[in-house]
Protein backbone atom coordinates (compact mmCIF):
# COMPACT_ATOMS: atom_id res chain seq x y z
CA LEU A 1 33.06 -12.83 -32.04
CA VAL A 2 34.27 -16.13 -32.52
CA VAL A 3 32.28 -19.26 -31.76
CA ASP A 4 34.23 -22.23 -30.87
CA ASP A 5 33.64 -25.38 -28.61
CA ASP A 6 37.11 -25.99 -28.32
CA GLU A 7 38.83 -23.93 -25.76
CA THR A 8 42.31 -23.90 -27.20
CA VAL A 9 41.14 -22.92 -30.47
CA ARG A 10 38.74 -19.91 -29.06
CA THR A 11 41.68 -18.62 -26.57
CA LEU A 12 44.24 -18.84 -29.97
CA GLU A 13 41.50 -17.18 -32.60
CA GLY A 14 41.02 -14.81 -30.03
CA ILE A 15 44.74 -13.85 -29.35
CA ARG A 16 45.37 -14.22 -33.04
CA LEU A 17 42.77 -11.53 -33.90
CA SER A 18 43.61 -8.89 -30.69
CA ARG A 19 46.91 -8.95 -31.97
CA LEU A 20 46.00 -7.81 -35.58
CA GLY A 21 43.49 -4.79 -33.82
CA HIS A 22 40.70 -6.38 -33.67
CA GLU A 23 38.31 -6.11 -30.04
CA VAL A 24 37.17 -9.76 -29.54
CA THR A 25 34.14 -11.44 -28.29
CA THR A 26 34.44 -15.03 -27.95
CA LYS A 27 31.62 -17.79 -27.18
CA PRO A 28 31.68 -21.23 -26.05
CA ASP A 29 28.64 -22.34 -27.69
CA ALA A 30 25.78 -21.44 -30.36
CA HIS A 31 23.30 -20.75 -27.59
CA GLU A 32 25.97 -17.75 -25.69
CA ALA A 33 26.67 -16.71 -29.53
CA LEU A 34 22.79 -16.29 -30.11
CA ALA A 35 22.56 -14.26 -26.78
CA SER A 36 25.11 -12.08 -27.47
CA VAL A 37 23.82 -10.62 -30.96
CA ARG A 38 20.07 -10.60 -29.30
CA ASP A 39 21.72 -8.34 -25.70
CA ALA A 40 23.96 -5.72 -28.85
CA PRO A 41 22.63 -6.71 -32.33
CA GLU A 42 25.12 -3.66 -33.63
CA ALA A 43 28.27 -4.62 -31.49
CA PHE A 44 29.44 -7.24 -34.34
CA ASP A 45 30.99 -7.02 -37.57
CA VAL A 46 31.99 -10.28 -37.77
CA VAL A 47 31.27 -13.89 -36.67
CA LEU A 48 33.63 -16.78 -36.91
CA ILE A 49 32.06 -19.80 -36.42
CA ASP A 50 33.25 -23.34 -36.10
CA TYR A 51 31.24 -25.99 -38.31
CA HIS A 52 31.65 -28.47 -36.12
CA MET A 53 29.91 -27.78 -32.38
CA PRO A 54 27.75 -29.72 -30.13
CA GLU A 55 23.83 -29.37 -30.13
CA MET A 56 23.79 -26.57 -32.91
CA ASN A 57 26.70 -26.97 -35.67
CA GLY A 58 27.86 -24.00 -37.29
CA LEU A 59 25.18 -24.06 -39.79
CA GLU A 60 22.27 -24.23 -37.64
CA LEU A 61 24.03 -21.33 -35.61
CA VAL A 62 24.42 -19.24 -39.34
CA HIS A 63 20.77 -19.70 -39.98
CA ALA A 64 20.02 -18.68 -36.71
CA LEU A 65 22.02 -14.97 -36.53
CA ARG A 66 19.99 -14.51 -39.92
CA GLU A 67 17.03 -15.33 -38.43
CA GLU A 68 17.86 -12.46 -36.07
CA ASN A 69 18.55 -10.18 -38.36
CA CYS A 70 22.24 -10.17 -37.15
CA ASP A 71 24.05 -8.21 -40.41
CA ALA A 72 27.24 -9.02 -39.47
CA SER A 73 29.86 -10.80 -41.82
CA VAL A 74 29.70 -14.32 -41.43
CA VAL A 75 32.62 -16.74 -41.79
CA LEU A 76 32.76 -20.30 -41.33
CA MET A 77 35.59 -22.19 -40.32
CA THR A 78 35.90 -26.27 -40.78
CA GLY A 79 38.13 -28.76 -41.17
CA LEU A 80 35.93 -31.23 -43.06
CA SER A 81 35.74 -29.62 -46.29
CA ALA A 82 34.96 -33.09 -48.04
CA GLN A 83 31.58 -32.57 -45.98
CA LEU A 84 30.69 -28.76 -46.49
CA ALA A 85 29.76 -27.51 -49.82
CA GLU A 86 30.09 -23.87 -50.22
CA ALA A 87 27.05 -23.57 -52.08
CA LYS A 88 25.11 -25.14 -49.58
CA ALA A 89 26.81 -22.70 -46.90
CA ARG A 90 26.00 -19.91 -48.84
CA VAL A 91 22.23 -20.81 -49.34
CA VAL A 92 22.30 -20.69 -45.37
CA GLY A 93 24.21 -17.44 -45.16
CA VAL A 94 27.68 -17.73 -44.74
CA ASP A 95 29.91 -14.71 -46.57
CA HIS A 96 33.58 -16.80 -45.98
CA LEU A 97 34.14 -20.34 -45.90
CA LEU A 98 37.43 -20.90 -44.36
CA ARG A 99 39.02 -24.13 -44.18
CA LYS A 100 41.39 -24.82 -41.22
CA PRO A 101 43.71 -24.94 -40.08
CA VAL A 102 43.34 -21.45 -41.27
CA GLU A 103 46.72 -19.71 -42.11
CA ARG A 104 47.52 -15.90 -40.15
CA HIS A 105 47.69 -14.61 -43.31
CA GLU A 106 44.57 -15.66 -45.08
CA LEU A 107 42.84 -15.12 -42.41
CA ARG A 108 44.21 -10.85 -41.88
CA GLU A 109 43.66 -10.32 -45.54
CA LEU A 110 39.91 -11.43 -45.10
CA LEU A 111 39.31 -9.30 -42.03
CA SER A 112 41.21 -6.40 -43.79
CA GLN A 113 38.01 -6.79 -46.09
CA LEU A 114 35.46 -7.27 -43.78
CA ALA A 115 36.38 -5.15 -41.44
CA PRO A 116 38.82 -2.81 -42.32
């Protein structure tokens, strides 16, 4: 599951993940992502979430997913490295933090560890 309010980023990440052999669902915001997880809690192995989104940021979405007992590995993607401490992200339930721009090899290696 890829959650990003930027349509271009969402589409490109979906294409990249598909080319790496993954089945991909994309959502434009946290509310739609939460609805998808509620509808099919076992459907997602990995959730890639953009940090900076309107209404509910990435950390808030991670917290909500964990409250829903979502067992998927959660990867938070951010370009705001100075504003987001890894320790804070882990307390909320983030499994991995990726700094944007995310390189293809970096994403491939991480996903091979999370969803072989």
